[in-house]
PDB file of N, CA and C in Angstrom:
ATOM      1  N   MET A   1       5.371  27.685  20.469  1.00  0.00           N
ATOM      2  CA  MET A   1       4.192  27.464  21.265  1.00  0.00           C
ATOM      3  C   MET A   1       3.748  26.022  21.090  1.00  0.00           C
ATOM      4  N   PRO A   2       3.702  25.250  22.164  1.00  0.00           N
ATOM      5  CA  PRO A   2       3.307  23.847  22.041  1.00  0.00           C
ATOM      6  C   PRO A   2       1.817  23.705  21.744  1.00  0.00           C
ATOM      7  N   ILE A   3       1.486  22.654  21.069  1.00  0.00           N
ATOM      8  CA  ILE A   3       0.097  22.360  20.718  1.00  0.00           C
ATOM      9  C   ILE A   3      -0.510  21.506  21.825  1.00  0.00           C
ATOM     10  N   ASP A   4      -1.667  21.892  22.308  1.00  0.00           N
ATOM     11  CA  ASP A   4      -2.355  21.042  23.280  1.00  0.00           C
ATOM     12  C   ASP A   4      -3.577  20.412  22.616  1.00  0.00           C
ATOM     13  N   ASP A   5      -4.235  19.520  23.327  1.00  0.00           N
ATOM     14  CA  ASP A   5      -5.349  18.763  22.757  1.00  0.00           C
ATOM     15  C   ASP A   5      -6.524  19.652  22.360  1.00  0.00           C
ATOM     16  N   ARG A   6      -6.732  20.751  23.066  1.00  0.00           N
ATOM     17  CA  ARG A   6      -7.845  21.637  22.725  1.00  0.00           C
ATOM     18  C   ARG A   6      -7.638  22.272  21.349  1.00  0.00           C
ATOM     19  N   ASP A   7      -6.371  22.571  20.996  1.00  0.00           N
ATOM     20  CA  ASP A   7      -6.096  23.148  19.682  1.00  0.00           C
ATOM     21  C   ASP A   7      -6.336  22.134  18.573  1.00  0.00           C
ATOM     22  N   LEU A   8      -6.125  20.862  18.851  1.00  0.00           N
ATOM     23  CA  LEU A   8      -6.281  19.836  17.826  1.00  0.00           C
ATOM     24  C   LEU A   8      -7.738  19.598  17.462  1.00  0.00           C
ATOM     25  N   THR A   9      -8.655  19.841  18.385  1.00  0.00           N
ATOM     26  CA  THR A   9     -10.055  19.548  18.114  1.00  0.00           C
ATOM     27  C   THR A   9     -10.857  20.777  17.699  1.00  0.00           C
ATOM     28  N   ARG A  10     -10.261  21.944  17.654  1.00  0.00           N
ATOM     29  CA  ARG A  10     -10.986  23.152  17.276  1.00  0.00           C
ATOM     30  C   ARG A  10     -11.159  23.196  15.767  1.00  0.00           C
ATOM     31  N   GLN A  11     -12.327  23.598  15.337  1.00  0.00           N
ATOM     32  CA  GLN A  11     -12.616  23.736  13.917  1.00  0.00           C
ATOM     33  C   GLN A  11     -12.310  25.161  13.481  1.00  0.00           C
ATOM     34  N   ASP A  12     -12.108  25.354  12.182  1.00  0.00           N
ATOM     35  CA  ASP A  12     -11.833  26.690  11.666  1.00  0.00           C
ATOM     36  C   ASP A  12     -12.970  27.665  11.964  1.00  0.00           C
ATOM     37  N   GLU A  13     -14.193  27.157  12.016  1.00  0.00           N
ATOM     38  CA  GLU A  13     -15.341  28.023  12.285  1.00  0.00           C
ATOM     39  C   GLU A  13     -15.353  28.513  13.729  1.00  0.00           C
ATOM     40  N   ASP A  14     -14.685  27.795  14.636  1.00  0.00           N
ATOM     41  CA  ASP A  14     -14.649  28.180  16.044  1.00  0.00           C
ATOM     42  C   ASP A  14     -13.590  29.226  16.341  1.00  0.00           C
ATOM     43  N   ILE A  15     -12.737  29.524  15.379  1.00  0.00           N
ATOM     44  CA  ILE A  15     -11.617  30.428  15.589  1.00  0.00           C
ATOM     45  C   ILE A  15     -11.942  31.778  14.954  1.00  0.00           C
ATOM     46  N   SER A  16     -11.549  32.847  15.622  1.00  0.00           N
ATOM     47  CA  SER A  16     -11.769  34.179  15.047  1.00  0.00           C
ATOM     48  C   SER A  16     -10.860  34.361  13.834  1.00  0.00           C
ATOM     49  N   PRO A  17     -11.241  35.226  12.896  1.00  0.00           N
ATOM     50  CA  PRO A  17     -10.406  35.431  11.705  1.00  0.00           C
ATOM     51  C   PRO A  17      -8.979  35.873  12.035  1.00  0.00           C
ATOM     52  N   ALA A  18      -8.821  36.715  13.039  1.00  0.00           N
ATOM     53  CA  ALA A  18      -7.472  37.164  13.402  1.00  0.00           C
ATOM     54  C   ALA A  18      -6.635  36.000  13.949  1.00  0.00           C
ATOM     55  N   GLU A  19      -7.264  35.160  14.759  1.00  0.00           N
ATOM     56  CA  GLU A  19      -6.549  34.007  15.311  1.00  0.00           C
ATOM     57  C   GLU A  19      -6.205  32.998  14.215  1.00  0.00           C
ATOM     58  N   PHE A  20      -7.107  32.821  13.250  1.00  0.00           N
ATOM     59  CA  PHE A  20      -6.838  31.913  12.126  1.00  0.00           C
ATOM     60  C   PHE A  20      -5.672  32.422  11.291  1.00  0.00           C
ATOM     61  N   ALA A  21      -5.645  33.738  11.012  1.00  0.00           N
ATOM     62  CA  ALA A  21      -4.545  34.316  10.229  1.00  0.00           C
ATOM     63  C   ALA A  21      -3.224  34.175  10.970  1.00  0.00           C
ATOM     64  N   ALA A  22      -3.238  34.360  12.277  1.00  0.00           N
ATOM     65  CA  ALA A  22      -2.016  34.203  13.063  1.00  0.00           C
ATOM     66  C   ALA A  22      -1.532  32.757  13.023  1.00  0.00           C
ATOM     67  N   GLU A  23      -2.467  31.816  13.067  1.00  0.00           N
ATOM     68  CA  GLU A  23      -2.089  30.401  12.998  1.00  0.00           C
ATOM     69  C   GLU A  23      -1.487  30.066  11.635  1.00  0.00           C
ATOM     70  N   GLU A  24      -2.056  30.607  10.579  1.00  0.00           N
ATOM     71  CA  GLU A  24      -1.517  30.368   9.238  1.00  0.00           C
ATOM     72  C   GLU A  24      -0.113  30.949   9.100  1.00  0.00           C
ATOM     73  N   ARG A  25       0.114  32.132   9.655  1.00  0.00           N
ATOM     74  CA  ARG A  25       1.455  32.739   9.596  1.00  0.00           C
ATOM     75  C   ARG A  25       2.443  31.930  10.419  1.00  0.00           C
ATOM     76  N   ARG A  26       1.998  31.392  11.548  1.00  0.00           N
ATOM     77  CA  ARG A  26       2.879  30.635  12.423  1.00  0.00           C
ATOM     78  C   ARG A  26       3.319  29.329  11.751  1.00  0.00           C
ATOM     79  N   GLU A  27       2.426  28.698  11.007  1.00  0.00           N
ATOM     80  CA  GLU A  27       2.776  27.443  10.343  1.00  0.00           C
ATOM     81  C   GLU A  27       3.684  27.679   9.141  1.00  0.00           C
ATOM     82  N   HIS A  28       3.499  28.742   8.418  1.00  0.00           N
ATOM     83  CA  HIS A  28       4.315  29.229   7.295  1.00  0.00           C
ATOM     84  C   HIS A  28       4.753  28.161   6.285  1.00  0.00           C
ATOM     85  N   TYR A  29       3.899  27.219   5.979  1.00  0.00           N
ATOM     86  CA  TYR A  29       4.214  26.253   4.934  1.00  0.00           C
ATOM     87  C   TYR A  29       3.618  26.749   3.627  1.00  0.00           C
ATOM     88  N   ALA A  30       4.461  27.004   2.664  1.00  0.00           N
ATOM     89  CA  ALA A  30       4.002  27.437   1.350  1.00  0.00           C
ATOM     90  C   ALA A  30       4.742  26.593   0.312  1.00  0.00           C
ATOM     91  N   PHE A  31       4.176  25.450  -0.015  1.00  0.00           N
ATOM     92  CA  PHE A  31       4.841  24.536  -0.932  1.00  0.00           C
ATOM     93  C   PHE A  31       4.643  24.922  -2.391  1.00  0.00           C
ATOM     94  N   GLY A  32       3.629  25.688  -2.706  1.00  0.00           N
ATOM     95  CA  GLY A  32       3.362  26.040  -4.091  1.00  0.00           C
ATOM     96  C   GLY A  32       2.714  24.874  -4.818  1.00  0.00           C
ATOM     97  N   ASN A  33       2.951  24.787  -6.113  1.00  0.00           N
ATOM     98  CA  ASN A  33       2.316  23.754  -6.939  1.00  0.00           C
ATOM     99  C   ASN A  33       3.193  22.536  -7.183  1.00  0.00           C
ATOM    100  N   TRP A  34       4.424  22.542  -6.717  1.00  0.00           N
ATOM    101  CA  TRP A  34       5.307  21.443  -7.083  1.00  0.00           C
ATOM    102  C   TRP A  34       4.848  20.081  -6.557  1.00  0.00           C
ATOM    103  N   PRO A  35       4.177  19.939  -5.411  1.00  0.00           N
ATOM    104  CA  PRO A  35       3.726  18.592  -5.018  1.00  0.00           C
ATOM    105  C   PRO A  35       2.712  18.004  -5.995  1.00  0.00           C
ATOM    106  N   GLU A  36       1.796  18.840  -6.507  1.00  0.00           N
ATOM    107  CA  GLU A  36       0.821  18.348  -7.485  1.00  0.00           C
ATOM    108  C   GLU A  36       1.496  17.968  -8.793  1.00  0.00           C
ATOM    109  N   ILE A  37       2.457  18.774  -9.215  1.00  0.00           N
ATOM    110  CA  ILE A  37       3.172  18.482 -10.463  1.00  0.00           C
ATOM    111  C   ILE A  37       3.998  17.210 -10.316  1.00  0.00           C
ATOM    112  N   ALA A  38       4.714  17.077  -9.206  1.00  0.00           N
ATOM    113  CA  ALA A  38       5.521  15.872  -8.980  1.00  0.00           C
ATOM    114  C   ALA A  38       4.632  14.640  -8.883  1.00  0.00           C
ATOM    115  N   GLY A  39       3.486  14.767  -8.234  1.00  0.00           N
ATOM    116  CA  GLY A  39       2.563  13.641  -8.129  1.00  0.00           C
ATOM    117  C   GLY A  39       2.009  13.234  -9.480  1.00  0.00           C
ATOM    118  N   THR A  40       1.697  14.215 -10.322  1.00  0.00           N
ATOM    119  CA  THR A  40       1.193  13.912 -11.667  1.00  0.00           C
ATOM    120  C   THR A  40       2.259  13.223 -12.504  1.00  0.00           C
ATOM    121  N   VAL A  41       3.482  13.723 -12.447  1.00  0.00           N
ATOM    122  CA  VAL A  41       4.577  13.107 -13.205  1.00  0.00           C
ATOM    123  C   VAL A  41       4.820  11.681 -12.719  1.00  0.00           C
ATOM    124  N   PHE A  42       4.823  11.473 -11.409  1.00  0.00           N
ATOM    125  CA  PHE A  42       5.033  10.133 -10.865  1.00  0.00           C
ATOM    126  C   PHE A  42       3.911   9.189 -11.276  1.00  0.00           C
ATOM    127  N   THR A  43       2.666   9.676 -11.244  1.00  0.00           N
ATOM    128  CA  THR A  43       1.523   8.853 -11.648  1.00  0.00           C
ATOM    129  C   THR A  43       1.622   8.462 -13.111  1.00  0.00           C
ATOM    130  N   LEU A  44       1.975   9.409 -13.961  1.00  0.00           N
ATOM    131  CA  LEU A  44       2.141   9.105 -15.387  1.00  0.00           C
ATOM    132  C   LEU A  44       3.278   8.112 -15.609  1.00  0.00           C
ATOM    133  N   PHE A  45       4.356   8.235 -14.834  1.00  0.00           N
ATOM    134  CA  PHE A  45       5.469   7.295 -14.944  1.00  0.00           C
ATOM    135  C   PHE A  45       5.033   5.884 -14.548  1.00  0.00           C
ATOM    136  N   VAL A  46       4.261   5.766 -13.483  1.00  0.00           N
ATOM    137  CA  VAL A  46       3.782   4.443 -13.052  1.00  0.00           C
ATOM    138  C   VAL A  46       2.842   3.854 -14.090  1.00  0.00           C
ATOM    139  N   ILE A  47       1.962   4.667 -14.666  1.00  0.00           N
ATOM    140  CA  ILE A  47       1.070   4.184 -15.721  1.00  0.00           C
ATOM    141  C   ILE A  47       1.877   3.709 -16.917  1.00  0.00           C
ATOM    142  N   TRP A  48       2.899   4.476 -17.285  1.00  0.00           N
ATOM    143  CA  TRP A  48       3.754   4.062 -18.407  1.00  0.00           C
ATOM    144  C   TRP A  48       4.446   2.739 -18.089  1.00  0.00           C
ATOM    145  N   LEU A  49       4.944   2.575 -16.858  1.00  0.00           N
ATOM    146  CA  LEU A  49       5.591   1.318 -16.482  1.00  0.00           C
ATOM    147  C   LEU A  49       4.622   0.144 -16.593  1.00  0.00           C
ATOM    148  N   ILE A  50       3.403   0.342 -16.149  1.00  0.00           N
ATOM    149  CA  ILE A  50       2.414  -0.730 -16.215  1.00  0.00           C
ATOM    150  C   ILE A  50       2.188  -1.170 -17.656  1.00  0.00           C
ATOM    151  N   PHE A  51       1.984  -0.209 -18.561  1.00  0.00           N
ATOM    152  CA  PHE A  51       1.731  -0.566 -19.954  1.00  0.00           C
ATOM    153  C   PHE A  51       2.996  -1.042 -20.663  1.00  0.00           C
ATOM    154  N   ALA A  52       4.147  -0.575 -20.280  1.00  0.00           N
ATOM    155  CA  ALA A  52       5.392  -0.978 -20.928  1.00  0.00           C
ATOM    156  C   ALA A  52       5.735  -2.433 -20.624  1.00  0.00           C
ATOM    157  N   PHE A  53       5.452  -2.887 -19.414  1.00  0.00           N
ATOM    158  CA  PHE A  53       5.881  -4.231 -19.031  1.00  0.00           C
ATOM    159  C   PHE A  53       4.755  -5.270 -19.085  1.00  0.00           C
ATOM    160  N   THR A  54       3.533  -4.841 -19.329  1.00  0.00           N
ATOM    161  CA  THR A  54       2.459  -5.831 -19.433  1.00  0.00           C
ATOM    162  C   THR A  54       1.970  -5.994 -20.853  1.00  0.00           C
ATOM    163  N   GLY A  55       2.480  -5.185 -21.753  1.00  0.00           N
ATOM    164  CA  GLY A  55       2.151  -5.333 -23.156  1.00  0.00           C
ATOM    165  C   GLY A  55       0.878  -4.692 -23.500  1.00  0.00           C
TER     166      GLY A  55
END
C-alpha cells in the first residue's frame, strides 16, 4: 500500500486504535535492543580513542 501525503501528516491521536495496530503490524520492524547496545559500545570506543591519543 503506497503512502500518500495525508498519511504522513496524521498524528497517532487521530488514528483509531485498530488502525494504529494494523499500521504497526504492516511496518513489522522489531530491532530489539541491539541498536542501543551497539551505539553504547561505539560511543565507549570513541571515548577510549579520544583519551588514548590525546593523553
